[in-house]
N, C-alpha and C. Protein backbone atom coordinates (compact mmCIF):
# COMPACT_ATOMS: atom_id res chain seq x y z
N MET A 1 108.33 135.51 105.99
CA MET A 1 107.85 134.15 105.74
C MET A 1 106.83 133.75 106.80
N PRO A 2 105.72 133.13 106.39
CA PRO A 2 104.71 132.73 107.38
C PRO A 2 105.20 131.57 108.23
N SER A 3 104.67 131.47 109.42
CA SER A 3 104.98 130.32 110.27
C SER A 3 104.28 129.09 109.70
N GLN A 4 104.61 127.92 110.27
CA GLN A 4 104.02 126.68 109.77
C GLN A 4 102.51 126.69 109.93
N ALA A 5 102.03 127.20 111.07
CA ALA A 5 100.58 127.23 111.32
C ALA A 5 99.88 128.16 110.33
N VAL A 6 100.48 129.32 110.06
CA VAL A 6 99.87 130.26 109.12
C VAL A 6 99.88 129.68 107.71
N TYR A 7 100.99 129.04 107.33
CA TYR A 7 101.07 128.42 106.01
C TYR A 7 100.01 127.35 105.85
N ASN A 8 99.85 126.49 106.85
CA ASN A 8 98.84 125.43 106.77
C ASN A 8 97.44 126.00 106.65
N ARG A 9 97.15 127.07 107.40
CA ARG A 9 95.82 127.68 107.32
C ARG A 9 95.59 128.29 105.94
N GLN A 10 96.57 128.98 105.41
CA GLN A 10 96.42 129.57 104.09
C GLN A 10 96.28 128.49 103.02
N LEU A 11 97.02 127.38 103.17
CA LEU A 11 96.93 126.29 102.20
C LEU A 11 95.53 125.68 102.22
N ARG A 12 94.98 125.46 103.41
CA ARG A 12 93.62 124.90 103.50
C ARG A 12 92.60 125.82 102.85
N GLU A 13 92.74 127.11 103.04
CA GLU A 13 91.80 128.06 102.46
C GLU A 13 91.87 128.09 100.94
N LEU A 14 93.05 127.76 100.39
CA LEU A 14 93.23 127.79 98.94
C LEU A 14 92.87 126.47 98.25
N GLY A 15 92.46 125.47 99.01
CA GLY A 15 92.13 124.17 98.43
C GLY A 15 91.12 124.24 97.30
N PRO A 16 89.96 124.88 97.48
CA PRO A 16 88.98 124.95 96.38
C PRO A 16 89.50 125.68 95.14
N GLN A 17 90.28 126.76 95.36
CA GLN A 17 90.83 127.49 94.21
C GLN A 17 91.86 126.64 93.46
N MET A 18 92.68 125.88 94.19
CA MET A 18 93.69 125.06 93.52
C MET A 18 93.05 123.92 92.74
N SER A 19 92.00 123.31 93.28
CA SER A 19 91.33 122.23 92.54
C SER A 19 90.65 122.78 91.29
N ALA A 20 90.03 123.96 91.39
CA ALA A 20 89.42 124.58 90.21
C ALA A 20 90.47 124.95 89.17
N ALA A 21 91.62 125.46 89.62
CA ALA A 21 92.69 125.83 88.70
C ALA A 21 93.27 124.59 88.02
N ALA A 22 93.37 123.49 88.76
CA ALA A 22 93.91 122.25 88.18
C ALA A 22 93.01 121.75 87.05
N LEU A 23 91.69 121.77 87.27
CA LEU A 23 90.77 121.31 86.24
C LEU A 23 90.72 122.28 85.06
N TRP A 24 90.86 123.57 85.33
CA TRP A 24 90.93 124.54 84.23
C TRP A 24 92.18 124.30 83.40
N MET A 25 93.30 124.02 84.05
CA MET A 25 94.55 123.79 83.34
C MET A 25 94.46 122.56 82.44
N ALA A 26 93.74 121.52 82.91
CA ALA A 26 93.59 120.31 82.11
C ALA A 26 92.88 120.60 80.80
N ARG A 27 91.99 121.58 80.80
CA ARG A 27 91.24 121.92 79.59
C ARG A 27 92.06 122.72 78.58
N GLN A 28 93.26 123.13 78.98
CA GLN A 28 94.10 123.91 78.08
C GLN A 28 95.10 123.06 77.30
N VAL A 29 95.21 121.77 77.64
CA VAL A 29 96.15 120.91 76.91
C VAL A 29 95.43 120.30 75.70
N PRO A 30 96.16 120.02 74.62
CA PRO A 30 95.51 119.50 73.41
C PRO A 30 94.78 118.18 73.63
N THR A 31 95.26 117.34 74.53
CA THR A 31 94.63 116.03 74.71
C THR A 31 93.27 116.12 75.42
N TRP A 32 92.89 117.30 75.90
CA TRP A 32 91.55 117.45 76.46
C TRP A 32 90.49 117.11 75.41
N HIS A 33 90.79 117.38 74.14
CA HIS A 33 89.82 117.16 73.07
C HIS A 33 89.88 115.74 72.51
N GLU A 34 90.81 114.92 72.97
CA GLU A 34 90.88 113.54 72.50
C GLU A 34 89.79 112.70 73.16
N PRO A 35 89.10 111.86 72.41
CA PRO A 35 87.99 111.05 72.97
C PRO A 35 88.52 109.79 73.66
N LEU A 36 89.31 109.97 74.71
CA LEU A 36 89.83 108.84 75.47
C LEU A 36 90.19 109.32 76.87
N ARG A 37 89.82 108.53 77.88
CA ARG A 37 90.18 108.85 79.25
C ARG A 37 90.64 107.57 79.96
N LEU A 38 91.49 107.76 80.96
CA LEU A 38 91.96 106.68 81.82
C LEU A 38 91.41 106.91 83.22
N MET A 39 91.04 105.84 83.92
CA MET A 39 90.45 105.97 85.25
C MET A 39 91.01 104.92 86.19
N ASP A 40 91.34 105.35 87.39
CA ASP A 40 91.80 104.41 88.40
C ASP A 40 91.69 105.07 89.76
N GLY A 41 91.65 104.23 90.80
CA GLY A 41 91.64 104.72 92.16
C GLY A 41 92.89 104.26 92.89
N THR A 42 93.31 105.04 93.88
CA THR A 42 94.51 104.69 94.64
C THR A 42 94.34 105.14 96.08
N PRO A 43 94.87 104.37 97.03
CA PRO A 43 94.77 104.78 98.43
C PRO A 43 95.67 105.97 98.73
N VAL A 44 95.19 106.82 99.61
CA VAL A 44 96.01 107.89 100.18
C VAL A 44 96.08 107.61 101.68
N ARG A 45 97.18 107.04 102.11
CA ARG A 45 97.31 106.63 103.51
C ARG A 45 97.44 107.85 104.41
N CYS A 46 96.77 107.79 105.56
CA CYS A 46 96.75 108.92 106.48
C CYS A 46 97.26 108.57 107.87
N GLY A 47 97.56 107.31 108.12
CA GLY A 47 98.06 106.92 109.42
C GLY A 47 98.41 105.45 109.44
N ALA A 48 99.33 105.09 110.36
CA ALA A 48 99.79 103.71 110.42
C ALA A 48 99.71 103.11 111.81
N SER A 49 99.09 103.82 112.74
CA SER A 49 98.99 103.30 114.11
C SER A 49 97.58 103.49 114.64
N ARG A 50 97.23 102.69 115.61
CA ARG A 50 95.90 102.78 116.21
C ARG A 50 95.71 104.11 116.94
N VAL A 51 96.77 104.65 117.51
CA VAL A 51 96.70 105.94 118.19
C VAL A 51 96.31 107.03 117.19
N THR A 52 96.91 106.99 116.00
CA THR A 52 96.57 107.98 114.97
C THR A 52 95.11 107.86 114.56
N VAL A 53 94.64 106.63 114.39
CA VAL A 53 93.25 106.41 114.00
C VAL A 53 92.30 106.99 115.04
N ASN A 54 92.63 106.83 116.31
CA ASN A 54 91.73 107.29 117.38
C ASN A 54 91.76 108.80 117.56
N ARG A 55 92.89 109.43 117.28
CA ARG A 55 93.05 110.84 117.60
C ARG A 55 92.99 111.77 116.40
N SER A 56 93.19 111.25 115.20
CA SER A 56 93.32 112.12 114.03
C SER A 56 92.00 112.78 113.66
N SER A 57 92.10 114.04 113.24
CA SER A 57 90.92 114.75 112.73
C SER A 57 90.53 114.27 111.35
N LEU A 58 91.38 113.45 110.72
CA LEU A 58 91.08 112.94 109.39
C LEU A 58 90.03 111.84 109.41
N GLY A 59 89.53 111.49 110.59
CA GLY A 59 88.50 110.46 110.68
C GLY A 59 87.23 110.82 109.93
N GLU A 60 87.04 112.11 109.59
CA GLU A 60 85.86 112.51 108.82
C GLU A 60 85.90 111.99 107.39
N ILE A 61 87.11 111.77 106.86
CA ILE A 61 87.25 111.33 105.47
C ILE A 61 87.97 110.00 105.35
N ALA A 62 88.73 109.62 106.38
CA ALA A 62 89.55 108.41 106.30
C ALA A 62 88.83 107.22 106.93
N GLY A 63 89.19 106.05 106.47
CA GLY A 63 88.65 104.80 107.00
C GLY A 63 89.52 103.65 106.56
N TYR A 64 89.16 102.45 107.01
CA TYR A 64 89.93 101.27 106.62
C TYR A 64 89.48 100.81 105.23
N GLY A 65 90.47 100.49 104.41
CA GLY A 65 90.21 99.99 103.06
C GLY A 65 91.23 98.94 102.69
N MET A 66 91.01 98.33 101.53
CA MET A 66 91.90 97.28 101.04
C MET A 66 92.65 97.79 99.82
N ASP A 67 93.97 97.78 99.91
CA ASP A 67 94.82 98.11 98.77
C ASP A 67 95.10 96.84 98.00
N LYS A 68 94.31 96.61 96.93
CA LYS A 68 94.42 95.35 96.20
C LYS A 68 95.74 95.22 95.46
N SER A 69 96.34 96.34 95.09
CA SER A 69 97.62 96.27 94.37
C SER A 69 98.72 95.67 95.23
N HIS A 70 98.67 95.98 96.55
CA HIS A 70 99.70 95.49 97.46
C HIS A 70 99.17 94.44 98.44
N HIS A 71 97.89 94.05 98.26
CA HIS A 71 97.28 93.02 99.09
C HIS A 71 97.44 93.36 100.58
N ALA A 72 97.07 94.58 100.93
CA ALA A 72 97.23 95.03 102.31
C ALA A 72 96.11 96.00 102.67
N PHE A 73 95.74 96.01 103.95
CA PHE A 73 94.77 96.97 104.44
C PHE A 73 95.49 98.29 104.75
N TYR A 74 94.75 99.37 104.70
CA TYR A 74 95.31 100.68 105.02
C TYR A 74 94.24 101.52 105.71
N TRP A 75 94.67 102.57 106.40
CA TRP A 75 93.75 103.56 106.97
C TRP A 75 94.01 104.88 106.25
N GLY A 76 93.00 105.34 105.55
CA GLY A 76 93.17 106.57 104.80
C GLY A 76 91.96 106.83 103.93
N ALA A 77 92.16 107.55 102.84
CA ALA A 77 91.08 107.89 101.91
C ALA A 77 91.38 107.29 100.55
N LYS A 78 90.36 107.26 99.70
CA LYS A 78 90.52 106.72 98.35
C LYS A 78 90.45 107.87 97.35
N LEU A 79 91.52 108.02 96.57
CA LEU A 79 91.59 109.06 95.55
C LEU A 79 91.23 108.44 94.20
N MET A 80 90.22 109.01 93.56
CA MET A 80 89.80 108.56 92.23
C MET A 80 90.26 109.58 91.20
N LEU A 81 90.93 109.09 90.15
CA LEU A 81 91.48 109.97 89.12
C LEU A 81 90.93 109.59 87.74
N ILE A 82 90.63 110.60 86.94
CA ILE A 82 90.34 110.42 85.52
C ILE A 82 91.29 111.34 84.78
N THR A 83 92.06 110.78 83.85
CA THR A 83 93.11 111.54 83.19
C THR A 83 93.04 111.39 81.68
N THR A 84 93.76 112.28 81.00
CA THR A 84 93.98 112.12 79.57
C THR A 84 95.11 111.12 79.36
N ALA A 85 95.38 110.78 78.13
CA ALA A 85 96.42 109.80 77.85
C ALA A 85 97.81 110.32 78.20
N ASP A 86 98.01 111.65 78.19
CA ASP A 86 99.32 112.18 78.53
C ASP A 86 99.47 112.49 80.01
N GLY A 87 98.42 112.26 80.80
CA GLY A 87 98.53 112.39 82.25
C GLY A 87 97.83 113.56 82.88
N ALA A 88 97.24 114.45 82.10
CA ALA A 88 96.52 115.59 82.69
C ALA A 88 95.27 115.09 83.40
N VAL A 89 95.09 115.47 84.65
CA VAL A 89 93.96 115.02 85.46
C VAL A 89 92.75 115.89 85.14
N THR A 90 91.71 115.29 84.58
CA THR A 90 90.52 116.04 84.19
C THR A 90 89.42 115.97 85.25
N ALA A 91 89.53 115.04 86.20
CA ALA A 91 88.55 114.93 87.29
C ALA A 91 89.18 114.12 88.40
N PHE A 92 88.85 114.47 89.63
CA PHE A 92 89.34 113.69 90.77
C PHE A 92 88.42 113.90 91.96
N SER A 93 88.39 112.91 92.83
CA SER A 93 87.57 112.99 94.03
C SER A 93 88.23 112.20 95.14
N LEU A 94 87.83 112.51 96.37
CA LEU A 94 88.37 111.86 97.56
C LEU A 94 87.20 111.35 98.38
N ALA A 95 87.28 110.11 98.81
CA ALA A 95 86.17 109.51 99.54
C ALA A 95 86.68 108.55 100.60
N CYS A 96 85.85 108.32 101.60
CA CYS A 96 86.16 107.32 102.62
C CYS A 96 85.92 105.93 102.02
N PRO A 97 86.89 105.02 102.09
CA PRO A 97 86.71 103.70 101.46
C PRO A 97 85.62 102.87 102.13
N LYS A 98 85.24 103.20 103.36
CA LYS A 98 84.17 102.47 104.04
C LYS A 98 82.81 102.91 103.56
N GLU A 99 82.68 104.17 103.12
CA GLU A 99 81.39 104.72 102.74
C GLU A 99 81.09 104.52 101.26
N LEU A 100 82.11 104.64 100.41
CA LEU A 100 81.92 104.49 98.97
C LEU A 100 82.96 103.50 98.44
N ASP A 101 82.49 102.44 97.80
CA ASP A 101 83.46 101.56 97.16
C ASP A 101 83.92 102.20 95.85
N GLU A 102 84.87 101.55 95.18
CA GLU A 102 85.50 102.13 94.00
C GLU A 102 84.49 102.44 92.90
N ARG A 103 83.53 101.55 92.68
CA ARG A 103 82.58 101.75 91.59
C ARG A 103 81.61 102.90 91.90
N LYS A 104 81.13 102.97 93.15
CA LYS A 104 80.22 104.06 93.51
C LYS A 104 80.93 105.41 93.44
N GLN A 105 82.18 105.44 93.88
CA GLN A 105 82.93 106.69 93.82
C GLN A 105 83.15 107.13 92.38
N ALA A 106 83.46 106.17 91.51
CA ALA A 106 83.66 106.50 90.10
C ALA A 106 82.38 107.03 89.46
N LEU A 107 81.25 106.40 89.76
CA LEU A 107 79.98 106.86 89.20
C LEU A 107 79.64 108.26 89.68
N HIS A 108 79.86 108.51 90.95
CA HIS A 108 79.59 109.85 91.48
C HIS A 108 80.46 110.88 90.78
N LEU A 109 81.73 110.55 90.55
CA LEU A 109 82.62 111.49 89.88
C LEU A 109 82.16 111.75 88.45
N LEU A 110 81.73 110.70 87.75
CA LEU A 110 81.26 110.87 86.37
C LEU A 110 80.00 111.72 86.30
N HIS A 111 79.18 111.66 87.35
CA HIS A 111 77.94 112.43 87.35
C HIS A 111 78.19 113.92 87.63
N VAL A 112 79.16 114.23 88.49
CA VAL A 112 79.30 115.62 88.95
C VAL A 112 80.36 116.41 88.20
N THR A 113 81.24 115.74 87.44
CA THR A 113 82.35 116.46 86.80
C THR A 113 82.40 116.14 85.30
N PRO A 114 82.42 117.15 84.44
CA PRO A 114 82.61 116.88 83.01
C PRO A 114 84.06 116.45 82.75
N ILE A 115 84.25 115.21 82.32
CA ILE A 115 85.60 114.67 82.17
C ILE A 115 86.17 114.91 80.78
N ALA A 116 85.33 115.30 79.83
CA ALA A 116 85.74 115.51 78.44
C ALA A 116 84.70 116.38 77.76
N PRO A 117 85.03 116.93 76.58
CA PRO A 117 84.03 117.74 75.86
C PRO A 117 82.77 116.97 75.50
N GLY A 118 82.85 115.65 75.38
CA GLY A 118 81.69 114.83 75.05
C GLY A 118 81.89 113.42 75.55
N PRO A 119 80.95 112.53 75.27
CA PRO A 119 81.10 111.14 75.68
C PRO A 119 82.36 110.52 75.10
N CYS A 120 82.98 109.62 75.87
CA CYS A 120 84.23 109.01 75.40
C CYS A 120 84.43 107.67 76.09
N PRO A 121 85.24 106.78 75.51
CA PRO A 121 85.59 105.54 76.18
C PRO A 121 86.54 105.81 77.35
N ILE A 122 86.40 105.00 78.40
CA ILE A 122 87.24 105.14 79.59
C ILE A 122 87.93 103.81 79.86
N VAL A 123 89.24 103.82 79.86
CA VAL A 123 90.01 102.61 80.15
C VAL A 123 90.20 102.49 81.65
N CYS A 124 89.82 101.35 82.21
CA CYS A 124 89.92 101.13 83.65
C CYS A 124 90.32 99.67 83.89
N ASP A 125 90.38 99.27 85.16
CA ASP A 125 90.76 97.90 85.47
C ASP A 125 89.52 97.07 85.78
N LYS A 126 89.74 95.78 86.06
CA LYS A 126 88.62 94.87 86.27
C LYS A 126 87.86 95.13 87.57
N GLY A 127 88.39 95.99 88.43
CA GLY A 127 87.66 96.36 89.64
C GLY A 127 86.39 97.14 89.35
N PHE A 128 86.28 97.68 88.16
CA PHE A 128 85.08 98.44 87.76
C PHE A 128 84.09 97.57 86.99
N ALA A 129 84.26 96.26 87.07
CA ALA A 129 83.34 95.35 86.39
C ALA A 129 81.98 95.35 87.08
N GLY A 130 80.94 95.14 86.31
CA GLY A 130 79.60 95.06 86.86
C GLY A 130 78.59 95.67 85.92
N ALA A 131 77.45 94.99 85.80
CA ALA A 131 76.42 95.48 84.88
C ALA A 131 75.89 96.84 85.30
N GLY A 132 75.82 97.08 86.61
CA GLY A 132 75.27 98.34 87.10
C GLY A 132 76.11 99.54 86.70
N ILE A 133 77.42 99.47 86.96
CA ILE A 133 78.27 100.62 86.66
C ILE A 133 78.44 100.79 85.15
N GLU A 134 78.46 99.68 84.40
CA GLU A 134 78.61 99.79 82.96
C GLU A 134 77.37 100.43 82.33
N LYS A 135 76.19 100.07 82.84
CA LYS A 135 74.97 100.68 82.31
C LYS A 135 74.88 102.15 82.71
N ALA A 136 75.25 102.46 83.96
CA ALA A 136 75.19 103.85 84.41
C ALA A 136 76.16 104.72 83.62
N ALA A 137 77.35 104.19 83.34
CA ALA A 137 78.31 104.94 82.54
C ALA A 137 77.81 105.10 81.11
N ALA A 138 77.21 104.04 80.57
CA ALA A 138 76.67 104.11 79.21
C ALA A 138 75.54 105.14 79.12
N ASP A 139 74.73 105.25 80.16
CA ASP A 139 73.66 106.25 80.17
C ASP A 139 74.22 107.67 80.08
N LEU A 140 75.45 107.85 80.60
CA LEU A 140 76.11 109.15 80.50
C LEU A 140 76.88 109.31 79.19
N GLY A 141 76.90 108.24 78.39
CA GLY A 141 77.58 108.28 77.10
C GLY A 141 78.99 107.74 77.11
N HIS A 142 79.45 107.19 78.25
CA HIS A 142 80.81 106.70 78.36
C HIS A 142 80.84 105.17 78.29
N HIS A 143 81.77 104.65 77.55
CA HIS A 143 81.94 103.21 77.42
C HIS A 143 83.17 102.77 78.21
N LEU A 144 82.98 101.87 79.17
CA LEU A 144 84.09 101.40 79.98
C LEU A 144 84.82 100.27 79.26
N ILE A 145 86.13 100.41 79.15
CA ILE A 145 86.99 99.39 78.55
C ILE A 145 87.87 98.81 79.65
N ARG A 146 87.75 97.53 79.91
CA ARG A 146 88.48 96.91 81.02
C ARG A 146 88.86 95.49 80.63
N PRO A 147 89.84 94.91 81.34
CA PRO A 147 90.16 93.49 81.08
C PRO A 147 89.04 92.59 81.58
N ALA A 148 88.87 91.45 80.93
CA ALA A 148 87.82 90.51 81.32
C ALA A 148 88.19 89.81 82.63
N ARG A 149 87.19 89.57 83.46
CA ARG A 149 87.41 88.80 84.68
C ARG A 149 87.42 87.31 84.34
N GLU A 150 88.03 86.52 85.21
CA GLU A 150 88.15 85.08 84.95
C GLU A 150 86.81 84.37 84.98
N ASP A 151 85.84 84.90 85.74
CA ASP A 151 84.55 84.23 85.85
C ASP A 151 83.54 84.69 84.80
N GLU A 152 83.95 85.54 83.86
CA GLU A 152 83.05 86.01 82.84
C GLU A 152 82.98 85.01 81.68
N PRO A 153 81.79 84.76 81.16
CA PRO A 153 81.67 83.80 80.05
C PRO A 153 82.16 84.40 78.74
N GLY A 154 82.46 83.53 77.81
CA GLY A 154 82.87 83.99 76.48
C GLY A 154 84.35 84.26 76.40
N PRO A 155 84.85 84.40 75.18
CA PRO A 155 86.28 84.67 74.98
C PRO A 155 86.64 86.08 75.45
N ALA A 156 87.84 86.21 76.00
CA ALA A 156 88.31 87.52 76.46
C ALA A 156 88.68 88.39 75.27
N LEU A 157 88.19 89.62 75.26
CA LEU A 157 88.49 90.55 74.18
C LEU A 157 89.87 91.17 74.42
N PRO A 158 90.55 91.61 73.35
CA PRO A 158 91.85 92.27 73.51
C PRO A 158 91.72 93.52 74.38
N PHE A 159 92.73 93.73 75.22
CA PHE A 159 92.70 94.88 76.14
C PHE A 159 94.03 95.63 76.04
N PRO A 160 94.00 96.97 75.95
CA PRO A 160 95.24 97.74 75.85
C PRO A 160 95.95 97.84 77.20
N GLY A 161 96.70 96.81 77.54
CA GLY A 161 97.37 96.78 78.84
C GLY A 161 98.34 97.93 79.03
N TRP A 162 98.92 98.44 77.95
CA TRP A 162 99.88 99.54 78.09
C TRP A 162 99.21 100.82 78.59
N LEU A 163 97.91 100.98 78.31
CA LEU A 163 97.20 102.14 78.83
C LEU A 163 96.97 102.01 80.34
N ARG A 164 96.74 100.80 80.80
CA ARG A 164 96.62 100.58 82.24
C ARG A 164 97.94 100.92 82.93
N GLN A 165 99.05 100.55 82.31
CA GLN A 165 100.35 100.88 82.88
C GLN A 165 100.58 102.39 82.91
N ARG A 166 99.98 103.09 81.95
CA ARG A 166 100.18 104.54 81.91
C ARG A 166 99.48 105.22 83.08
N ILE A 167 98.24 104.84 83.41
CA ILE A 167 97.57 105.46 84.55
C ILE A 167 98.30 105.13 85.84
N GLU A 168 98.88 103.94 85.93
CA GLU A 168 99.66 103.59 87.11
C GLU A 168 100.92 104.45 87.20
N ALA A 169 101.51 104.77 86.05
CA ALA A 169 102.68 105.65 86.04
C ALA A 169 102.31 107.07 86.45
N ILE A 170 101.12 107.52 86.06
CA ILE A 170 100.65 108.85 86.46
C ILE A 170 100.48 108.91 87.98
N ILE A 171 99.89 107.86 88.55
CA ILE A 171 99.73 107.80 90.01
C ILE A 171 101.09 107.77 90.69
N TRP A 172 102.04 107.03 90.11
CA TRP A 172 103.39 107.00 90.68
C TRP A 172 104.02 108.39 90.68
N THR A 173 103.81 109.16 89.61
CA THR A 173 104.35 110.52 89.56
C THR A 173 103.78 111.37 90.68
N LEU A 174 102.47 111.27 90.91
CA LEU A 174 101.85 112.04 91.98
C LEU A 174 102.35 111.63 93.36
N LYS A 175 102.48 110.34 93.56
CA LYS A 175 102.81 109.85 94.90
C LYS A 175 104.29 109.99 95.24
N ASN A 176 105.16 109.80 94.27
CA ASN A 176 106.58 109.79 94.54
C ASN A 176 107.27 111.09 94.15
N GLN A 177 107.24 111.45 92.88
CA GLN A 177 107.92 112.67 92.47
C GLN A 177 107.29 113.93 93.05
N LEU A 178 105.96 113.95 93.15
CA LEU A 178 105.27 115.13 93.68
C LEU A 178 104.92 115.00 95.16
N GLY A 179 105.31 113.90 95.79
CA GLY A 179 105.24 113.80 97.24
C GLY A 179 103.87 113.58 97.84
N LEU A 180 102.93 113.02 97.09
CA LEU A 180 101.60 112.80 97.67
C LEU A 180 101.63 111.80 98.82
N GLU A 181 102.55 110.84 98.78
CA GLU A 181 102.67 109.88 99.88
C GLU A 181 103.16 110.54 101.16
N ARG A 182 103.72 111.74 101.04
CA ARG A 182 104.25 112.46 102.21
C ARG A 182 103.45 113.74 102.42
N HIS A 183 102.13 113.63 102.37
CA HIS A 183 101.29 114.83 102.42
C HIS A 183 101.28 115.51 103.78
N ASN A 184 101.45 114.76 104.88
CA ASN A 184 101.50 115.33 106.24
C ASN A 184 100.24 116.10 106.63
N ALA A 185 99.12 115.78 106.00
CA ALA A 185 97.87 116.48 106.34
C ALA A 185 97.34 115.99 107.68
N ARG A 186 96.71 116.89 108.41
CA ARG A 186 96.13 116.57 109.72
C ARG A 186 94.64 116.88 109.79
N HIS A 187 94.09 117.39 108.69
CA HIS A 187 92.68 117.81 108.67
C HIS A 187 92.13 117.52 107.28
N PRO A 188 90.85 117.18 107.15
CA PRO A 188 90.29 116.90 105.82
C PRO A 188 90.50 118.01 104.80
N ASP A 189 90.32 119.27 105.21
CA ASP A 189 90.54 120.38 104.28
C ASP A 189 92.01 120.44 103.86
N GLY A 190 92.90 120.15 104.80
CA GLY A 190 94.32 120.15 104.47
C GLY A 190 94.70 119.03 103.52
N LEU A 191 94.07 117.86 103.70
CA LEU A 191 94.33 116.75 102.80
C LEU A 191 93.87 117.07 101.39
N TRP A 192 92.67 117.63 101.26
CA TRP A 192 92.16 118.01 99.94
C TRP A 192 93.05 119.06 99.29
N ALA A 193 93.51 120.03 100.09
CA ALA A 193 94.37 121.09 99.55
C ALA A 193 95.70 120.51 99.06
N ARG A 194 96.27 119.58 99.79
CA ARG A 194 97.56 119.02 99.40
C ARG A 194 97.43 118.13 98.16
N ILE A 195 96.31 117.43 98.04
CA ILE A 195 96.08 116.65 96.82
C ILE A 195 95.88 117.58 95.63
N SER A 196 95.06 118.62 95.81
CA SER A 196 94.83 119.59 94.74
C SER A 196 96.14 120.27 94.34
N GLN A 197 97.00 120.54 95.32
CA GLN A 197 98.29 121.18 95.06
C GLN A 197 99.14 120.32 94.12
N ARG A 198 99.18 119.01 94.38
CA ARG A 198 99.99 118.12 93.54
C ARG A 198 99.39 117.97 92.14
N ILE A 199 98.06 117.86 92.07
CA ILE A 199 97.42 117.70 90.76
C ILE A 199 97.57 118.98 89.93
N LEU A 200 97.46 120.13 90.59
CA LEU A 200 97.68 121.40 89.88
C LEU A 200 99.10 121.47 89.34
N ALA A 201 100.08 121.04 90.14
CA ALA A 201 101.47 121.05 89.69
C ALA A 201 101.65 120.13 88.48
N LEU A 202 101.06 118.93 88.53
CA LEU A 202 101.18 117.99 87.42
C LEU A 202 100.56 118.55 86.15
N ASN A 203 99.34 119.09 86.25
CA ASN A 203 98.68 119.65 85.07
C ASN A 203 99.44 120.86 84.51
N ALA A 204 100.01 121.67 85.41
CA ALA A 204 100.79 122.83 84.95
C ALA A 204 102.04 122.39 84.20
N VAL A 205 102.69 121.33 84.68
CA VAL A 205 103.89 120.81 84.01
C VAL A 205 103.53 120.30 82.62
N ILE A 206 102.43 119.53 82.53
CA ILE A 206 102.02 118.99 81.22
C ILE A 206 101.66 120.12 80.26
N TRP A 207 100.93 121.11 80.76
CA TRP A 207 100.58 122.27 79.91
C TRP A 207 101.83 122.99 79.43
N HIS A 208 102.79 123.20 80.33
CA HIS A 208 104.01 123.91 79.96
C HIS A 208 104.85 123.09 78.98
N ASN A 209 104.93 121.77 79.19
CA ASN A 209 105.70 120.92 78.29
C ASN A 209 105.09 120.90 76.88
N TRP A 210 103.77 120.99 76.80
CA TRP A 210 103.14 121.09 75.48
C TRP A 210 103.54 122.40 74.80
N ASN A 211 103.60 123.47 75.56
CA ASN A 211 103.90 124.77 74.98
C ASN A 211 105.36 124.91 74.54
N ILE A 212 106.26 124.21 75.21
CA ILE A 212 107.67 124.32 74.83
C ILE A 212 108.09 123.19 73.91
N GLY A 213 107.17 122.26 73.59
CA GLY A 213 107.48 121.18 72.68
C GLY A 213 108.33 120.08 73.29
N ALA A 214 108.24 119.88 74.59
CA ALA A 214 109.02 118.82 75.23
C ALA A 214 108.53 117.46 74.73
N PRO A 215 109.43 116.51 74.50
CA PRO A 215 109.02 115.21 73.95
C PRO A 215 108.19 114.38 74.91
N VAL A 216 108.46 114.48 76.20
CA VAL A 216 107.71 113.74 77.22
C VAL A 216 106.89 114.74 78.02
N LYS A 217 105.58 114.69 77.85
CA LYS A 217 104.74 115.74 78.43
C LYS A 217 104.64 115.67 79.95
N ARG A 218 104.82 114.48 80.54
CA ARG A 218 104.69 114.35 81.99
C ARG A 218 106.05 114.42 82.70
N SER A 219 107.10 114.77 81.97
CA SER A 219 108.44 114.78 82.55
C SER A 219 108.59 115.96 83.51
N LEU A 220 109.12 115.66 84.70
CA LEU A 220 109.37 116.70 85.71
C LEU A 220 110.84 117.00 85.87
N ILE A 221 111.68 116.45 85.00
CA ILE A 221 113.12 116.58 85.18
C ILE A 221 113.55 118.05 85.19
N ALA A 222 112.99 118.85 84.30
CA ALA A 222 113.38 120.26 84.21
C ALA A 222 112.96 121.07 85.43
N TYR A 223 112.03 120.53 86.24
CA TYR A 223 111.50 121.29 87.39
C TYR A 223 111.93 120.66 88.71
N ASP A 224 112.68 119.58 88.66
CA ASP A 224 113.02 118.81 89.87
C ASP A 224 114.35 119.31 90.43
N HIS A 225 114.29 120.46 91.11
CA HIS A 225 115.51 121.03 91.68
C HIS A 225 115.31 121.26 93.18
């Protein structure tokens, strides 16, 4: 068995291969061909003390950001996810919240990663509101579907709130059941590898559940030992 240092080094080296394998796995599930995607961003906390902020090697990717869901500031990175309706992650990126806000990070991800076989609607939250991002997404062929903001004129259009809850449930699976909140990374390459590791595991579970006919495709009960 390798020592902890050897394991960490090998894990960091496998980061690019695991992220590529995770995206390949997403293309093997039937919902890859469905013209619908879910998109959301979530903080990945990397430290809780000023000493950690000053000394951590994660300063290359981590920064201070605002977690709007919990109305709290955090020090860490921002993970952006685009998934199918059953939870398979078709694209993801990691960015410093000080350098790229949520909308810029989402646009960059849409430009560099094919999220579906063709243009498709993307369900997101009101944080992605704005004429700029909506036009840029439309230029790529994607239509953003989001809840209306209170300051927007005109009647609010119906919004599929249950789909928003689904992407939040997918994030919960990554953070809690797959341990993303306990990543223990100390280096940017290690953080990317640990995120890729969890996403690969999630996509592999969904792919396997499709093949065995499991009723709940994102269920980890059979593998949680």
